Amino acid sequence: FKHWWESGELKPGVNEHSAKVFRKFAKKTNNFECGEIEVICALGVSPAAASYTYEEKRDFWEKYCFGPGLQDHDVLNCGGEEEEDEGK
């Protein structure tokens, strides 16, 4: 995974956890200038991550993982339907 970060293809997500964890690669990749794949460092859902409430964890996952994933799914599905319609 380190090699992939150093390749410059990845960039940290827009949340503070991702920025903090992955900032060590910023200098090597010219501040993620060419990064196209966004990587999220997510809050742990385990009860062991007790410094965050259930609500904080749920909201984090909704905002940075599930929401964007569902949005991408909708975009990809709508794009696929349009292409099918054009071919008819």
PDB file of N, CA and C in Angstrom:
ATOM      1  N   PHE A   1       0.822  -1.187   0.000  1.00  0.00           N
ATOM      2  CA  PHE A   1       0.000   0.000   0.000  1.00  0.00           C
ATOM      3  C   PHE A   1       0.871   1.258   0.000  1.00  0.00           C
ATOM      4  N   LYS A   2       2.000   1.196   0.688  1.00  0.00           N
ATOM      5  CA  LYS A   2       2.922   2.338   0.722  1.00  0.00           C
ATOM      6  C   LYS A   2       3.399   2.696  -0.689  1.00  0.00           C
ATOM      7  N   HIS A   3       3.742   1.687  -1.468  1.00  0.00           N
ATOM      8  CA  HIS A   3       4.212   1.927  -2.833  1.00  0.00           C
ATOM      9  C   HIS A   3       3.132   2.646  -3.649  1.00  0.00           C
ATOM     10  N   TRP A   4       1.896   2.255  -3.463  1.00  0.00           N
ATOM     11  CA  TRP A   4       0.795   2.875  -4.203  1.00  0.00           C
ATOM     12  C   TRP A   4       0.660   4.344  -3.816  1.00  0.00           C
ATOM     13  N   TRP A   5       0.809   4.643  -2.518  1.00  0.00           N
ATOM     14  CA  TRP A   5       0.769   6.045  -2.088  1.00  0.00           C
ATOM     15  C   TRP A   5       1.900   6.831  -2.725  1.00  0.00           C
ATOM     16  N   GLU A   6       3.077   6.251  -2.709  1.00  0.00           N
ATOM     17  CA  GLU A   6       4.233   6.956  -3.253  1.00  0.00           C
ATOM     18  C   GLU A   6       4.160   7.117  -4.767  1.00  0.00           C
ATOM     19  N   SER A   7       3.328   6.337  -5.433  1.00  0.00           N
ATOM     20  CA  SER A   7       3.170   6.458  -6.883  1.00  0.00           C
ATOM     21  C   SER A   7       2.460   7.753  -7.269  1.00  0.00           C
ATOM     22  N   GLY A   8       1.719   8.336  -6.330  1.00  0.00           N
ATOM     23  CA  GLY A   8       0.996   9.571  -6.611  1.00  0.00           C
ATOM     24  C   GLY A   8      -0.408   9.366  -7.137  1.00  0.00           C
ATOM     25  N   GLU A   9      -0.848   8.116  -7.271  1.00  0.00           N
ATOM     26  CA  GLU A   9      -2.191   7.839  -7.786  1.00  0.00           C
ATOM     27  C   GLU A   9      -3.285   8.060  -6.747  1.00  0.00           C
ATOM     28  N   LEU A  10      -2.908   8.013  -5.472  1.00  0.00           N
ATOM     29  CA  LEU A  10      -3.881   8.144  -4.397  1.00  0.00           C
ATOM     30  C   LEU A  10      -3.870   9.547  -3.813  1.00  0.00           C
ATOM     31  N   LYS A  11      -4.975   9.909  -3.200  1.00  0.00           N
ATOM     32  CA  LYS A  11      -5.054  11.172  -2.464  1.00  0.00           C
ATOM     33  C   LYS A  11      -5.938  10.931  -1.239  1.00  0.00           C
ATOM     34  N   PRO A  12      -5.662  11.636  -0.147  1.00  0.00           N
ATOM     35  CA  PRO A  12      -6.483  11.432   1.044  1.00  0.00           C
ATOM     36  C   PRO A  12      -7.862  12.046   0.887  1.00  0.00           C
ATOM     37  N   GLY A  13      -8.819  11.459   1.601  1.00  0.00           N
ATOM     38  CA  GLY A  13     -10.164  12.019   1.613  1.00  0.00           C
ATOM     39  C   GLY A  13     -10.161  13.403   2.237  1.00  0.00           C
ATOM     40  N   VAL A  14     -11.275  14.073   2.156  1.00  0.00           N
ATOM     41  CA  VAL A  14     -11.348  15.461   2.608  1.00  0.00           C
ATOM     42  C   VAL A  14     -11.570  15.602   4.108  1.00  0.00           C
ATOM     43  N   ASN A  15     -11.684  14.494   4.829  1.00  0.00           N
ATOM     44  CA  ASN A  15     -11.893  14.590   6.273  1.00  0.00           C
ATOM     45  C   ASN A  15     -10.564  14.707   7.012  1.00  0.00           C
ATOM     46  N   GLU A  16     -10.621  15.206   8.227  1.00  0.00           N
ATOM     47  CA  GLU A  16      -9.402  15.470   8.994  1.00  0.00           C
ATOM     48  C   GLU A  16      -8.614  14.202   9.310  1.00  0.00           C
ATOM     49  N   HIS A  17      -9.281  13.084   9.508  1.00  0.00           N
ATOM     50  CA  HIS A  17      -8.588  11.835   9.825  1.00  0.00           C
ATOM     51  C   HIS A  17      -7.733  11.373   8.649  1.00  0.00           C
ATOM     52  N   SER A  18      -8.284  11.426   7.468  1.00  0.00           N
ATOM     53  CA  SER A  18      -7.537  11.020   6.274  1.00  0.00           C
ATOM     54  C   SER A  18      -6.355  11.944   6.039  1.00  0.00           C
ATOM     55  N   ALA A  19      -6.584  13.229   6.153  1.00  0.00           N
ATOM     56  CA  ALA A  19      -5.508  14.203   5.938  1.00  0.00           C
ATOM     57  C   ALA A  19      -4.374  13.979   6.922  1.00  0.00           C
ATOM     58  N   LYS A  20      -4.708  13.696   8.172  1.00  0.00           N
ATOM     59  CA  LYS A  20      -3.693  13.504   9.208  1.00  0.00           C
ATOM     60  C   LYS A  20      -2.897  12.220   8.981  1.00  0.00           C
ATOM     61  N   VAL A  21      -3.574  11.130   8.695  1.00  0.00           N
ATOM     62  CA  VAL A  21      -2.917   9.839   8.549  1.00  0.00           C
ATOM     63  C   VAL A  21      -2.032   9.780   7.303  1.00  0.00           C
ATOM     64  N   PHE A  22      -2.486  10.366   6.210  1.00  0.00           N
ATOM     65  CA  PHE A  22      -1.772  10.234   4.944  1.00  0.00           C
ATOM     66  C   PHE A  22      -0.876  11.415   4.597  1.00  0.00           C
ATOM     67  N   ARG A  23      -0.785  12.411   5.453  1.00  0.00           N
ATOM     68  CA  ARG A  23       0.005  13.602   5.128  1.00  0.00           C
ATOM     69  C   ARG A  23       1.489  13.303   4.926  1.00  0.00           C
ATOM     70  N   LYS A  24       1.964  12.193   5.482  1.00  0.00           N
ATOM     71  CA  LYS A  24       3.383  11.865   5.329  1.00  0.00           C
ATOM     72  C   LYS A  24       3.764  11.615   3.871  1.00  0.00           C
ATOM     73  N   PHE A  25       2.767  11.376   3.012  1.00  0.00           N
ATOM     74  CA  PHE A  25       3.050  11.144   1.597  1.00  0.00           C
ATOM     75  C   PHE A  25       2.913  12.412   0.748  1.00  0.00           C
ATOM     76  N   ALA A  26       2.503  13.502   1.349  1.00  0.00           N
ATOM     77  CA  ALA A  26       2.259  14.734   0.594  1.00  0.00           C
ATOM     78  C   ALA A  26       3.514  15.247  -0.107  1.00  0.00           C
ATOM     79  N   LYS A  27       4.624  15.264   0.589  1.00  0.00           N
ATOM     80  CA  LYS A  27       5.861  15.790   0.011  1.00  0.00           C
ATOM     81  C   LYS A  27       6.342  14.918  -1.151  1.00  0.00           C
ATOM     82  N   LYS A  28       6.218  13.607  -1.011  1.00  0.00           N
ATOM     83  CA  LYS A  28       6.683  12.677  -2.040  1.00  0.00           C
ATOM     84  C   LYS A  28       5.818  12.705  -3.291  1.00  0.00           C
ATOM     85  N   THR A  29       4.594  13.212  -3.165  1.00  0.00           N
ATOM     86  CA  THR A  29       3.663  13.204  -4.302  1.00  0.00           C
ATOM     87  C   THR A  29       3.270  14.602  -4.753  1.00  0.00           C
ATOM     88  N   ASN A  30       4.081  15.595  -4.368  1.00  0.00           N
ATOM     89  CA  ASN A  30       3.791  16.982  -4.715  1.00  0.00           C
ATOM     90  C   ASN A  30       2.381  17.373  -4.254  1.00  0.00           C
ATOM     91  N   ASN A  31       2.140  17.068  -2.985  1.00  0.00           N
ATOM     92  CA  ASN A  31       0.852  17.355  -2.335  1.00  0.00           C
ATOM     93  C   ASN A  31      -0.329  16.703  -3.061  1.00  0.00           C
ATOM     94  N   PHE A  32      -0.125  15.462  -3.492  1.00  0.00           N
ATOM     95  CA  PHE A  32      -1.172  14.650  -4.123  1.00  0.00           C
ATOM     96  C   PHE A  32      -1.708  15.271  -5.415  1.00  0.00           C
ATOM     97  N   GLU A  33      -0.858  16.015  -6.095  1.00  0.00           N
ATOM     98  CA  GLU A  33      -1.231  16.751  -7.298  1.00  0.00           C
ATOM     99  C   GLU A  33      -1.913  15.880  -8.363  1.00  0.00           C
ATOM    100  N   CYS A  34      -1.414  14.663  -8.572  1.00  0.00           N
ATOM    101  CA  CYS A  34      -1.960  13.796  -9.621  1.00  0.00           C
ATOM    102  C   CYS A  34      -2.860  12.691  -9.073  1.00  0.00           C
ATOM    103  N   GLY A  35      -3.158  12.738  -7.790  1.00  0.00           N
ATOM    104  CA  GLY A  35      -3.974  11.696  -7.179  1.00  0.00           C
ATOM    105  C   GLY A  35      -5.390  11.687  -7.735  1.00  0.00           C
ATOM    106  N   GLU A  36      -5.841  10.526  -8.155  1.00  0.00           N
ATOM    107  CA  GLU A  36      -7.191  10.403  -8.700  1.00  0.00           C
ATOM    108  C   GLU A  36      -8.081   9.501  -7.857  1.00  0.00           C
ATOM    109  N   ILE A  37      -7.473   8.656  -7.032  1.00  0.00           N
ATOM    110  CA  ILE A  37      -8.234   7.723  -6.216  1.00  0.00           C
ATOM    111  C   ILE A  37      -8.243   8.242  -4.781  1.00  0.00           C
ATOM    112  N   GLU A  38      -9.429   8.553  -4.268  1.00  0.00           N
ATOM    113  CA  GLU A  38      -9.559   9.106  -2.926  1.00  0.00           C
ATOM    114  C   GLU A  38      -9.648   7.973  -1.907  1.00  0.00           C
ATOM    115  N   VAL A  39      -8.818   8.075  -0.864  1.00  0.00           N
ATOM    116  CA  VAL A  39      -8.776   7.064   0.185  1.00  0.00           C
ATOM    117  C   VAL A  39      -9.243   7.697   1.494  1.00  0.00           C
ATOM    118  N   ILE A  40     -10.202   7.042   2.129  1.00  0.00           N
ATOM    119  CA  ILE A  40     -10.757   7.527   3.385  1.00  0.00           C
ATOM    120  C   ILE A  40     -10.157   6.745   4.546  1.00  0.00           C
ATOM    121  N   CYS A  41      -9.681   7.434   5.537  1.00  0.00           N
ATOM    122  CA  CYS A  41      -9.299   6.816   6.798  1.00  0.00           C
ATOM    123  C   CYS A  41     -10.512   6.985   7.703  1.00  0.00           C
ATOM    124  N   ALA A  42     -11.256   5.915   7.856  1.00  0.00           N
ATOM    125  CA  ALA A  42     -12.547   5.986   8.540  1.00  0.00           C
ATOM    126  C   ALA A  42     -12.437   5.711  10.034  1.00  0.00           C
ATOM    127  N   LEU A  43     -13.391   6.227  10.773  1.00  0.00           N
ATOM    128  CA  LEU A  43     -13.482   5.930  12.197  1.00  0.00           C
ATOM    129  C   LEU A  43     -13.829   4.460  12.379  1.00  0.00           C
ATOM    130  N   GLY A  44     -13.219   3.843  13.366  1.00  0.00           N
ATOM    131  CA  GLY A  44     -13.529   2.455  13.657  1.00  0.00           C
ATOM    132  C   GLY A  44     -14.938   2.326  14.212  1.00  0.00           C
ATOM    133  N   VAL A  45     -15.637   1.278  13.834  1.00  0.00           N
ATOM    134  CA  VAL A  45     -16.997   1.071  14.331  1.00  0.00           C
ATOM    135  C   VAL A  45     -17.019   0.220  15.585  1.00  0.00           C
ATOM    136  N   SER A  46     -15.900  -0.328  15.934  1.00  0.00           N
ATOM    137  CA  SER A  46     -15.787  -1.187  17.106  1.00  0.00           C
ATOM    138  C   SER A  46     -16.047  -0.403  18.394  1.00  0.00           C
ATOM    139  N   PRO A  47     -16.630  -1.061  19.389  1.00  0.00           N
ATOM    140  CA  PRO A  47     -16.766  -0.403  20.698  1.00  0.00           C
ATOM    141  C   PRO A  47     -15.415   0.004  21.288  1.00  0.00           C
ATOM    142  N   ALA A  48     -14.335  -0.580  20.793  1.00  0.00           N
ATOM    143  CA  ALA A  48     -13.003  -0.207  21.272  1.00  0.00           C
ATOM    144  C   ALA A  48     -12.657   1.236  20.887  1.00  0.00           C
ATOM    145  N   ALA A  49     -13.291   1.760  19.857  1.00  0.00           N
ATOM    146  CA  ALA A  49     -13.087   3.158  19.456  1.00  0.00           C
ATOM    147  C   ALA A  49     -14.048   4.027  20.261  1.00  0.00           C
ATOM    148  N   ALA A  50     -13.902   3.956  21.575  1.00  0.00           N
ATOM    149  CA  ALA A  50     -14.870   4.569  22.484  1.00  0.00           C
ATOM    150  C   ALA A  50     -14.748   6.085  22.597  1.00  0.00           C
ATOM    151  N   SER A  51     -13.746   6.664  21.982  1.00  0.00           N
ATOM    152  CA  SER A  51     -13.621   8.125  22.068  1.00  0.00           C
ATOM    153  C   SER A  51     -14.638   8.826  21.168  1.00  0.00           C
ATOM    154  N   TYR A  52     -15.335   8.062  20.338  1.00  0.00           N
ATOM    155  CA  TYR A  52     -16.396   8.606  19.483  1.00  0.00           C
ATOM    156  C   TYR A  52     -17.708   7.931  19.819  1.00  0.00           C
ATOM    157  N   THR A  53     -18.773   8.691  19.809  1.00  0.00           N
ATOM    158  CA  THR A  53     -20.089   8.113  20.081  1.00  0.00           C
ATOM    159  C   THR A  53     -20.577   7.326  18.869  1.00  0.00           C
ATOM    160  N   TYR A  54     -21.578   6.526  19.094  1.00  0.00           N
ATOM    161  CA  TYR A  54     -22.188   5.787  17.990  1.00  0.00           C
ATOM    162  C   TYR A  54     -22.663   6.761  16.914  1.00  0.00           C
ATOM    163  N   GLU A  55     -23.284   7.851  17.327  1.00  0.00           N
ATOM    164  CA  GLU A  55     -23.820   8.826  16.380  1.00  0.00           C
ATOM    165  C   GLU A  55     -22.714   9.464  15.551  1.00  0.00           C
ATOM    166  N   GLU A  56     -21.587   9.784  16.191  1.00  0.00           N
ATOM    167  CA  GLU A  56     -20.463  10.375  15.458  1.00  0.00           C
ATOM    168  C   GLU A  56     -19.926   9.393  14.415  1.00  0.00           C
ATOM    169  N   LYS A  57     -19.803   8.135  14.802  1.00  0.00           N
ATOM    170  CA  LYS A  57     -19.332   7.110  13.862  1.00  0.00           C
ATOM    171  C   LYS A  57     -20.314   6.931  12.711  1.00  0.00           C
ATOM    172  N   ARG A  58     -21.601   6.836  13.037  1.00  0.00           N
ATOM    173  CA  ARG A  58     -22.634   6.662  12.014  1.00  0.00           C
ATOM    174  C   ARG A  58     -22.641   7.828  11.028  1.00  0.00           C
ATOM    175  N   ASP A  59     -22.588   9.038  11.565  1.00  0.00           N
ATOM    176  CA  ASP A  59     -22.604  10.229  10.709  1.00  0.00           C
ATOM    177  C   ASP A  59     -21.360  10.295   9.818  1.00  0.00           C
ATOM    178  N   PHE A  60     -20.207   9.923  10.383  1.00  0.00           N
ATOM    179  CA  PHE A  60     -18.976   9.902   9.605  1.00  0.00           C
ATOM    180  C   PHE A  60     -19.107   8.946   8.429  1.00  0.00           C
ATOM    181  N   TRP A  61     -19.517   7.729   8.689  1.00  0.00           N
ATOM    182  CA  TRP A  61     -19.633   6.719   7.631  1.00  0.00           C
ATOM    183  C   TRP A  61     -20.666   7.134   6.586  1.00  0.00           C
ATOM    184  N   GLU A  62     -21.748   7.757   7.020  1.00  0.00           N
ATOM    185  CA  GLU A  62     -22.771   8.220   6.076  1.00  0.00           C
ATOM    186  C   GLU A  62     -22.207   9.311   5.168  1.00  0.00           C
ATOM    187  N   LYS A  63     -21.487  10.265   5.763  1.00  0.00           N
ATOM    188  CA  LYS A  63     -20.981  11.412   5.010  1.00  0.00           C
ATOM    189  C   LYS A  63     -19.835  11.051   4.059  1.00  0.00           C
ATOM    190  N   TYR A  64     -18.889  10.233   4.517  1.00  0.00           N
ATOM    191  CA  TYR A  64     -17.673  10.000   3.739  1.00  0.00           C
ATOM    192  C   TYR A  64     -17.628   8.668   2.993  1.00  0.00           C
ATOM    193  N   CYS A  65     -18.479   7.729   3.360  1.00  0.00           N
ATOM    194  CA  CYS A  65     -18.419   6.405   2.719  1.00  0.00           C
ATOM    195  C   CYS A  65     -19.723   6.039   2.008  1.00  0.00           C
ATOM    196  N   PHE A  66     -20.787   5.883   2.776  1.00  0.00           N
ATOM    197  CA  PHE A  66     -22.034   5.408   2.182  1.00  0.00           C
ATOM    198  C   PHE A  66     -22.661   6.423   1.229  1.00  0.00           C
ATOM    199  N   GLY A  67     -22.729   7.686   1.647  1.00  0.00           N
ATOM    200  CA  GLY A  67     -23.322   8.718   0.796  1.00  0.00           C
ATOM    201  C   GLY A  67     -22.628   8.851  -0.550  1.00  0.00           C
ATOM    202  N   PRO A  68     -21.310   9.060  -0.566  1.00  0.00           N
ATOM    203  CA  PRO A  68     -20.608   9.165  -1.848  1.00  0.00           C
ATOM    204  C   PRO A  68     -20.697   7.885  -2.681  1.00  0.00           C
ATOM    205  N   GLY A  69     -20.666   6.732  -2.013  1.00  0.00           N
ATOM    206  CA  GLY A  69     -20.768   5.473  -2.743  1.00  0.00           C
ATOM    207  C   GLY A  69     -22.117   5.325  -3.429  1.00  0.00           C
ATOM    208  N   LEU A  70     -23.177   5.695  -2.732  1.00  0.00           N
ATOM    209  CA  LEU A  70     -24.514   5.622  -3.332  1.00  0.00           C
ATOM    210  C   LEU A  70     -24.661   6.648  -4.455  1.00  0.00           C
ATOM    211  N   GLN A  71     -24.059   7.811  -4.274  1.00  0.00           N
ATOM    212  CA  GLN A  71     -24.099   8.827  -5.329  1.00  0.00           C
ATOM    213  C   GLN A  71     -23.389   8.323  -6.583  1.00  0.00           C
ATOM    214  N   ASP A  72     -22.216   7.729  -6.408  1.00  0.00           N
ATOM    215  CA  ASP A  72     -21.496   7.159  -7.550  1.00  0.00           C
ATOM    216  C   ASP A  72     -22.312   6.061  -8.209  1.00  0.00           C
ATOM    217  N   HIS A  73     -22.947   5.241  -7.410  1.00  0.00           N
ATOM    218  CA  HIS A  73     -23.786   4.160  -7.941  1.00  0.00           C
ATOM    219  C   HIS A  73     -24.906   4.736  -8.816  1.00  0.00           C
ATOM    220  N   ASP A  74     -25.561   5.779  -8.312  1.00  0.00           N
ATOM    221  CA  ASP A  74     -26.645   6.404  -9.079  1.00  0.00           C
ATOM    222  C   ASP A  74     -26.124   6.996 -10.390  1.00  0.00           C
ATOM    223  N   VAL A  75     -24.999   7.673 -10.324  1.00  0.00           N
ATOM    224  CA  VAL A  75     -24.419   8.280 -11.529  1.00  0.00           C
ATOM    225  C   VAL A  75     -24.070   7.199 -12.544  1.00  0.00           C
ATOM    226  N   LEU A  76     -23.435   6.142 -12.083  1.00  0.00           N
ATOM    227  CA  LEU A  76     -23.035   5.065 -12.996  1.00  0.00           C
ATOM    228  C   LEU A  76     -24.253   4.358 -13.590  1.00  0.00           C
ATOM    229  N   ASN A  77     -25.275   4.158 -12.784  1.00  0.00           N
ATOM    230  CA  ASN A  77     -26.471   3.494 -13.298  1.00  0.00           C
ATOM    231  C   ASN A  77     -27.231   4.383 -14.273  1.00  0.00           C
ATOM    232  N   CYS A  78     -27.323   5.658 -13.979  1.00  0.00           N
ATOM    233  CA  CYS A  78     -28.004   6.573 -14.903  1.00  0.00           C
ATOM    234  C   CYS A  78     -27.229   6.660 -16.211  1.00  0.00           C
ATOM    235  N   GLY A  79     -25.910   6.722 -16.131  1.00  0.00           N
ATOM    236  CA  GLY A  79     -25.081   6.772 -17.329  1.00  0.00           C
ATOM    237  C   GLY A  79     -25.261   5.522 -18.166  1.00  0.00           C
ATOM    238  N   GLY A  80     -25.350   4.370 -17.503  1.00  0.00           N
ATOM    239  CA  GLY A  80     -25.542   3.119 -18.221  1.00  0.00           C
ATOM    240  C   GLY A  80     -26.884   3.057 -18.919  1.00  0.00           C
ATOM    241  N   GLU A  81     -27.938   3.584 -18.278  1.00  0.00           N
ATOM    242  CA  GLU A  81     -29.264   3.575 -18.879  1.00  0.00           C
ATOM    243  C   GLU A  81     -29.328   4.484 -20.097  1.00  0.00           C
ATOM    244  N   GLU A  82     -28.646   5.638 -20.013  1.00  0.00           N
ATOM    245  CA  GLU A  82     -28.651   6.571 -21.139  1.00  0.00           C
ATOM    246  C   GLU A  82     -27.969   5.929 -22.350  1.00  0.00           C
ATOM    247  N   GLU A  83     -26.872   5.230 -22.110  1.00  0.00           N
ATOM    248  CA  GLU A  83     -26.156   4.591 -23.202  1.00  0.00           C
ATOM    249  C   GLU A  83     -27.013   3.514 -23.850  1.00  0.00           C
ATOM    250  N   GLU A  84     -27.769   2.773 -23.025  1.00  0.00           N
ATOM    251  CA  GLU A  84     -28.657   1.737 -23.558  1.00  0.00           C
ATOM    252  C   GLU A  84     -29.746   2.364 -24.410  1.00  0.00           C
ATOM    253  N   ASP A  85     -30.312   3.510 -23.928  1.00  0.00           N
ATOM    254  CA  ASP A  85     -31.381   4.187 -24.657  1.00  0.00           C
ATOM    255  C   ASP A  85     -30.887   4.694 -25.998  1.00  0.00           C
ATOM    256  N   GLU A  86     -29.642   5.193 -26.040  1.00  0.00           N
ATOM    257  CA  GLU A  86     -29.100   5.725 -27.282  1.00  0.00           C
ATOM    258  C   GLU A  86     -28.916   4.647 -28.330  1.00  0.00           C
ATOM    259  N   GLY A  87     -28.662   3.424 -27.878  1.00  0.00           N
ATOM    260  CA  GLY A  87     -28.430   2.319 -28.802  1.00  0.00           C
ATOM    261  C   GLY A  87     -29.703   1.753 -29.378  1.00  0.00           C
ATOM    262  N   LYS A  88     -30.853   2.152 -28.870  1.00  0.00           N
ATOM    263  CA  LYS A  88     -32.142   1.596 -29.358  1.00  0.00           C
ATOM    264  C   LYS A  88     -32.662   2.357 -30.538  1.00  0.00           C
TER     265      LYS A  88
END
